[in-house]
N, C-alpha and C. Protein backbone atom coordinates (compact mmCIF):
# COMPACT_ATOMS: atom_id res chain seq x y z
N UNK A 1 0.85 -1.18 0.00
CA UNK A 1 0.00 0.00 0.00
C UNK A 1 0.89 1.24 0.00
N UNK A 2 0.60 2.17 -0.89
CA UNK A 2 1.41 3.38 -1.03
C UNK A 2 1.30 4.26 0.21
N UNK A 3 2.38 4.98 0.52
CA UNK A 3 2.42 5.85 1.70
C UNK A 3 1.30 6.89 1.70
N UNK A 4 0.97 7.56 0.57
CA UNK A 4 -0.12 8.54 0.62
C UNK A 4 -1.45 7.89 1.02
N UNK A 5 -1.67 6.67 0.58
CA UNK A 5 -2.91 5.98 0.93
C UNK A 5 -2.91 5.62 2.41
N UNK A 6 -1.79 5.13 2.92
CA UNK A 6 -1.70 4.82 4.35
C UNK A 6 -1.97 6.07 5.17
N UNK A 7 -1.39 7.18 4.75
CA UNK A 7 -1.57 8.44 5.46
C UNK A 7 -3.04 8.88 5.42
N UNK A 8 -3.66 8.78 4.24
CA UNK A 8 -5.06 9.15 4.10
C UNK A 8 -5.94 8.32 5.03
N UNK A 9 -5.74 7.02 5.01
CA UNK A 9 -6.56 6.14 5.85
C UNK A 9 -6.33 6.45 7.32
N UNK A 10 -5.09 6.63 7.73
CA UNK A 10 -4.81 6.95 9.14
C UNK A 10 -5.43 8.28 9.54
N UNK A 11 -5.29 9.29 8.69
CA UNK A 11 -5.88 10.60 9.00
C UNK A 11 -7.40 10.53 9.04
N UNK A 12 -7.98 9.79 8.14
CA UNK A 12 -9.43 9.71 8.04
C UNK A 12 -10.06 8.94 9.19
N UNK A 13 -9.51 7.78 9.52
CA UNK A 13 -10.17 6.92 10.51
C UNK A 13 -9.31 6.58 11.72
N UNK A 14 -8.08 7.01 11.76
CA UNK A 14 -7.24 6.69 12.90
C UNK A 14 -7.02 5.19 13.02
N UNK A 15 -7.01 4.69 14.24
CA UNK A 15 -6.75 3.28 14.47
C UNK A 15 -7.98 2.54 15.01
N UNK A 16 -9.13 3.17 14.93
CA UNK A 16 -10.35 2.52 15.41
C UNK A 16 -10.64 1.31 14.52
N UNK A 17 -10.78 0.11 15.09
CA UNK A 17 -10.92 -1.10 14.26
C UNK A 17 -12.09 -1.06 13.27
N UNK A 18 -13.26 -0.63 13.72
CA UNK A 18 -14.43 -0.61 12.83
C UNK A 18 -14.23 0.38 11.68
N UNK A 19 -13.76 1.57 12.01
CA UNK A 19 -13.54 2.59 10.98
C UNK A 19 -12.44 2.15 10.02
N UNK A 20 -11.39 1.56 10.57
CA UNK A 20 -10.28 1.09 9.75
C UNK A 20 -10.72 -0.01 8.79
N UNK A 21 -11.55 -0.92 9.24
CA UNK A 21 -12.06 -1.99 8.38
C UNK A 21 -12.84 -1.41 7.20
N UNK A 22 -13.70 -0.44 7.48
CA UNK A 22 -14.50 0.17 6.40
C UNK A 22 -13.60 0.88 5.39
N UNK A 23 -12.63 1.65 5.89
CA UNK A 23 -11.73 2.35 4.98
C UNK A 23 -10.93 1.36 4.13
N UNK A 24 -10.44 0.30 4.73
CA UNK A 24 -9.66 -0.70 3.98
C UNK A 24 -10.54 -1.45 2.98
N UNK A 25 -11.78 -1.76 3.36
CA UNK A 25 -12.70 -2.38 2.40
C UNK A 25 -12.91 -1.47 1.19
N UNK A 26 -13.05 -0.19 1.45
CA UNK A 26 -13.23 0.76 0.34
C UNK A 26 -11.97 0.85 -0.52
N UNK A 27 -10.81 0.74 0.10
CA UNK A 27 -9.58 0.72 -0.68
C UNK A 27 -9.55 -0.49 -1.60
N UNK A 28 -9.94 -1.65 -1.07
CA UNK A 28 -9.92 -2.87 -1.89
C UNK A 28 -10.90 -2.78 -3.06
N UNK A 29 -12.00 -2.04 -2.87
CA UNK A 29 -13.00 -1.90 -3.94
C UNK A 29 -12.67 -0.79 -4.92
N UNK A 30 -11.90 0.21 -4.50
CA UNK A 30 -11.56 1.34 -5.38
C UNK A 30 -10.10 1.75 -5.16
N UNK A 31 -9.16 0.85 -5.45
CA UNK A 31 -7.76 1.19 -5.19
C UNK A 31 -7.30 2.41 -5.98
N UNK A 32 -6.44 3.19 -5.35
CA UNK A 32 -5.79 4.35 -5.96
C UNK A 32 -6.68 5.57 -6.15
N UNK A 33 -7.96 5.48 -5.87
CA UNK A 33 -8.84 6.65 -5.98
C UNK A 33 -9.11 7.19 -4.57
N UNK A 34 -8.21 8.04 -4.10
CA UNK A 34 -8.25 8.49 -2.71
C UNK A 34 -9.53 9.23 -2.36
N UNK A 35 -10.02 10.07 -3.25
CA UNK A 35 -11.23 10.83 -2.93
C UNK A 35 -12.44 9.92 -2.82
N UNK A 36 -12.53 8.92 -3.67
CA UNK A 36 -13.65 7.98 -3.60
C UNK A 36 -13.58 7.14 -2.33
N UNK A 37 -12.37 6.73 -1.95
CA UNK A 37 -12.19 5.98 -0.71
C UNK A 37 -12.69 6.81 0.47
N UNK A 38 -12.29 8.07 0.53
CA UNK A 38 -12.70 8.94 1.62
C UNK A 38 -14.21 9.17 1.62
N UNK A 39 -14.78 9.45 0.46
CA UNK A 39 -16.23 9.71 0.38
C UNK A 39 -17.04 8.49 0.79
N UNK A 40 -16.69 7.34 0.26
CA UNK A 40 -17.44 6.11 0.58
C UNK A 40 -17.29 5.75 2.06
N UNK A 41 -16.09 5.94 2.59
CA UNK A 41 -15.87 5.64 4.00
C UNK A 41 -16.73 6.53 4.88
N UNK A 42 -16.74 7.83 4.59
CA UNK A 42 -17.57 8.75 5.38
C UNK A 42 -19.05 8.39 5.28
N UNK A 43 -19.49 8.05 4.11
CA UNK A 43 -20.89 7.68 3.91
C UNK A 43 -21.24 6.42 4.71
N UNK A 44 -20.37 5.43 4.65
CA UNK A 44 -20.64 4.18 5.38
C UNK A 44 -20.54 4.36 6.89
N UNK A 45 -19.75 5.30 7.35
CA UNK A 45 -19.60 5.52 8.79
C UNK A 45 -20.72 6.37 9.38
N UNK A 46 -21.53 7.00 8.57
CA UNK A 46 -22.59 7.89 9.06
C UNK A 46 -23.50 7.20 10.08
N UNK A 47 -24.00 6.02 9.76
CA UNK A 47 -24.89 5.31 10.70
C UNK A 47 -24.16 4.95 11.99
N UNK A 48 -22.93 4.51 11.87
CA UNK A 48 -22.15 4.16 13.06
C UNK A 48 -21.95 5.39 13.94
N UNK A 49 -21.60 6.53 13.33
CA UNK A 49 -21.40 7.75 14.10
C UNK A 49 -22.71 8.23 14.72
N UNK A 50 -23.80 8.08 14.00
CA UNK A 50 -25.11 8.43 14.57
C UNK A 50 -25.37 7.59 15.82
N UNK A 51 -25.08 6.32 15.73
CA UNK A 51 -25.25 5.43 16.88
C UNK A 51 -24.38 5.89 18.06
N UNK A 52 -23.13 6.18 17.78
CA UNK A 52 -22.23 6.66 18.85
C UNK A 52 -22.77 7.94 19.47
N UNK A 53 -23.16 8.89 18.65
CA UNK A 53 -23.65 10.18 19.11
C UNK A 53 -24.90 10.02 19.99
N UNK A 54 -25.84 9.22 19.53
CA UNK A 54 -27.09 9.06 20.27
C UNK A 54 -26.93 8.26 21.55
N UNK A 55 -25.83 7.55 21.70
CA UNK A 55 -25.58 6.79 22.92
C UNK A 55 -24.69 7.54 23.91
N UNK A 56 -24.34 8.78 23.60
CA UNK A 56 -23.63 9.62 24.56
C UNK A 56 -24.65 10.36 25.42
N UNK A 57 -24.35 10.47 26.72
CA UNK A 57 -25.24 11.29 27.54
C UNK A 57 -24.91 12.77 27.30
N UNK A 58 -25.70 13.66 27.86
CA UNK A 58 -25.53 15.09 27.60
C UNK A 58 -24.16 15.60 28.04
N UNK A 59 -23.65 15.11 29.17
CA UNK A 59 -22.33 15.54 29.63
C UNK A 59 -21.23 15.07 28.67
N UNK A 60 -21.35 13.83 28.19
CA UNK A 60 -20.36 13.32 27.24
C UNK A 60 -20.42 14.10 25.93
N UNK A 61 -21.61 14.43 25.48
CA UNK A 61 -21.74 15.23 24.24
C UNK A 61 -21.08 16.59 24.40
N UNK A 62 -21.31 17.21 25.54
CA UNK A 62 -20.72 18.53 25.78
C UNK A 62 -19.19 18.44 25.78
N UNK A 63 -18.65 17.46 26.46
CA UNK A 63 -17.20 17.32 26.53
C UNK A 63 -16.62 16.97 25.16
N UNK A 64 -17.25 16.03 24.45
CA UNK A 64 -16.70 15.62 23.16
C UNK A 64 -16.72 16.77 22.15
N UNK A 65 -17.70 17.64 22.25
CA UNK A 65 -17.76 18.78 21.33
C UNK A 65 -16.65 19.80 21.60
N UNK A 66 -16.11 19.79 22.81
CA UNK A 66 -15.08 20.77 23.18
C UNK A 66 -13.75 20.11 23.54
N UNK A 67 -13.58 18.86 23.19
CA UNK A 67 -12.42 18.11 23.64
C UNK A 67 -11.10 18.72 23.17
N UNK A 68 -11.08 19.29 22.00
CA UNK A 68 -9.83 19.85 21.50
C UNK A 68 -9.41 21.11 22.26
N UNK A 69 -10.32 21.68 23.04
CA UNK A 69 -9.99 22.84 23.86
C UNK A 69 -9.45 22.45 25.23
N UNK A 70 -9.57 21.18 25.58
CA UNK A 70 -9.15 20.71 26.90
C UNK A 70 -7.66 20.41 26.91
N UNK A 71 -7.04 20.69 28.02
CA UNK A 71 -5.64 20.33 28.21
C UNK A 71 -5.58 19.24 29.27
N UNK A 72 -4.41 18.69 29.45
CA UNK A 72 -4.21 17.66 30.45
C UNK A 72 -4.60 18.18 31.84
N UNK A 73 -4.40 19.46 32.08
CA UNK A 73 -4.72 20.06 33.37
C UNK A 73 -6.21 20.01 33.69
N UNK A 74 -7.04 19.97 32.65
CA UNK A 74 -8.49 19.94 32.86
C UNK A 74 -8.93 18.67 33.57
N UNK A 75 -8.11 17.64 33.50
CA UNK A 75 -8.50 16.37 34.11
C UNK A 75 -8.33 16.37 35.62
N UNK A 76 -7.90 17.50 36.18
CA UNK A 76 -7.86 17.60 37.64
C UNK A 76 -9.27 17.68 38.21
N UNK A 77 -10.23 18.00 37.37
CA UNK A 77 -11.64 17.95 37.77
C UNK A 77 -12.05 16.49 37.70
N UNK A 78 -12.35 15.84 38.84
CA UNK A 78 -12.64 14.40 38.82
C UNK A 78 -13.80 14.01 37.92
N UNK A 79 -14.86 14.80 37.89
CA UNK A 79 -16.01 14.47 37.03
C UNK A 79 -15.62 14.54 35.56
N UNK A 80 -14.86 15.56 35.19
CA UNK A 80 -14.41 15.70 33.81
C UNK A 80 -13.45 14.58 33.43
N UNK A 81 -12.58 14.22 34.35
CA UNK A 81 -11.63 13.14 34.09
C UNK A 81 -12.35 11.83 33.80
N UNK A 82 -13.42 11.56 34.52
CA UNK A 82 -14.20 10.33 34.30
C UNK A 82 -14.84 10.35 32.92
N UNK A 83 -15.39 11.48 32.52
CA UNK A 83 -16.02 11.60 31.21
C UNK A 83 -14.99 11.41 30.10
N UNK A 84 -13.83 12.05 30.25
CA UNK A 84 -12.78 11.92 29.24
C UNK A 84 -12.31 10.47 29.13
N UNK A 85 -12.11 9.81 30.25
CA UNK A 85 -11.69 8.41 30.22
C UNK A 85 -12.73 7.53 29.54
N UNK A 86 -14.00 7.82 29.76
CA UNK A 86 -15.07 7.06 29.12
C UNK A 86 -15.05 7.29 27.60
N UNK A 87 -14.82 8.52 27.18
CA UNK A 87 -14.74 8.83 25.75
C UNK A 87 -13.52 8.16 25.11
N UNK A 88 -12.43 8.09 25.85
CA UNK A 88 -11.24 7.38 25.36
C UNK A 88 -11.55 5.88 25.24
N UNK A 89 -12.21 5.34 26.25
CA UNK A 89 -12.57 3.92 26.24
C UNK A 89 -13.47 3.58 25.05
N UNK A 90 -14.33 4.52 24.68
CA UNK A 90 -15.23 4.32 23.54
C UNK A 90 -14.55 4.61 22.20
N UNK A 91 -13.27 4.92 22.24
CA UNK A 91 -12.47 5.22 21.04
C UNK A 91 -12.99 6.45 20.29
N UNK A 92 -13.52 7.42 21.01
CA UNK A 92 -14.01 8.65 20.39
C UNK A 92 -13.03 9.80 20.57
N UNK A 93 -12.14 9.66 21.55
CA UNK A 93 -11.16 10.70 21.88
C UNK A 93 -9.83 9.99 22.15
N UNK A 94 -8.74 10.65 21.79
CA UNK A 94 -7.41 10.14 22.11
C UNK A 94 -6.61 11.24 22.80
N UNK A 95 -5.70 10.82 23.64
CA UNK A 95 -4.80 11.76 24.31
C UNK A 95 -3.53 11.86 23.49
N UNK A 96 -3.11 13.09 23.23
CA UNK A 96 -1.85 13.32 22.52
C UNK A 96 -1.03 14.30 23.33
N UNK A 97 -0.01 13.81 23.98
CA UNK A 97 0.82 14.66 24.81
C UNK A 97 0.02 15.25 25.95
N UNK A 98 -0.07 16.56 25.98
CA UNK A 98 -0.77 17.27 27.05
C UNK A 98 -2.19 17.67 26.68
N UNK A 99 -2.69 17.16 25.57
CA UNK A 99 -4.03 17.56 25.14
C UNK A 99 -4.81 16.35 24.63
N UNK A 100 -6.01 16.62 24.16
CA UNK A 100 -6.89 15.58 23.64
C UNK A 100 -7.35 15.99 22.24
N UNK A 101 -7.71 14.99 21.45
CA UNK A 101 -8.24 15.27 20.11
C UNK A 101 -9.22 14.17 19.75
N UNK A 102 -9.94 14.39 18.66
CA UNK A 102 -10.86 13.37 18.17
C UNK A 102 -10.06 12.17 17.67
N UNK A 103 -10.65 11.01 17.73
CA UNK A 103 -9.95 9.79 17.34
C UNK A 103 -9.71 9.71 15.84
N UNK A 104 -10.49 10.45 15.05
CA UNK A 104 -10.30 10.42 13.60
C UNK A 104 -10.87 11.68 12.97
N UNK A 105 -10.42 11.97 11.77
CA UNK A 105 -10.96 13.10 11.02
C UNK A 105 -12.41 12.84 10.65
N UNK A 106 -12.74 11.59 10.37
CA UNK A 106 -14.12 11.24 10.03
C UNK A 106 -15.06 11.57 11.20
N UNK A 107 -14.67 11.23 12.41
CA UNK A 107 -15.47 11.54 13.60
C UNK A 107 -15.55 13.06 13.80
N UNK A 108 -14.45 13.76 13.61
CA UNK A 108 -14.43 15.22 13.73
C UNK A 108 -15.38 15.84 12.71
N UNK A 109 -15.36 15.34 11.48
CA UNK A 109 -16.27 15.87 10.44
C UNK A 109 -17.72 15.62 10.81
N UNK A 110 -18.00 14.44 11.32
CA UNK A 110 -19.36 14.13 11.75
C UNK A 110 -19.80 15.10 12.86
N UNK A 111 -18.94 15.30 13.85
CA UNK A 111 -19.30 16.18 14.97
C UNK A 111 -19.50 17.61 14.52
N UNK A 112 -18.70 18.08 13.58
CA UNK A 112 -18.88 19.47 13.13
C UNK A 112 -20.25 19.65 12.47
N UNK A 113 -20.78 18.61 11.88
CA UNK A 113 -22.11 18.68 11.27
C UNK A 113 -23.21 18.67 12.33
N UNK A 114 -22.89 18.23 13.54
CA UNK A 114 -23.89 18.16 14.61
C UNK A 114 -24.09 19.51 15.30
N UNK A 115 -23.15 20.41 15.14
CA UNK A 115 -23.23 21.72 15.83
C UNK A 115 -24.15 22.68 15.14
């Protein structure tokens, strides 16, 4: 697999197993067409992301919508730390150094449409 394709898949879906499977399936069906792989992957992930979104409680939704604004220091709030850990456990958020980010660009794109 070419490096640009590996990079595209990693940026689009990260390392989440379900998202990665869908992206790789789309690669096998449309090799070398990066835009089609991305479009089909996003389309197929829509229902999955809807499911994830609707199964978050209101506090989790609030935190996930603002997760990129949080720093490691924010986890000194015990209630917030529990919510962040739950979002990490659900593979919706990842910790990078001293901050947090969405687990994938596909999830970030979905969330931006929810606002």
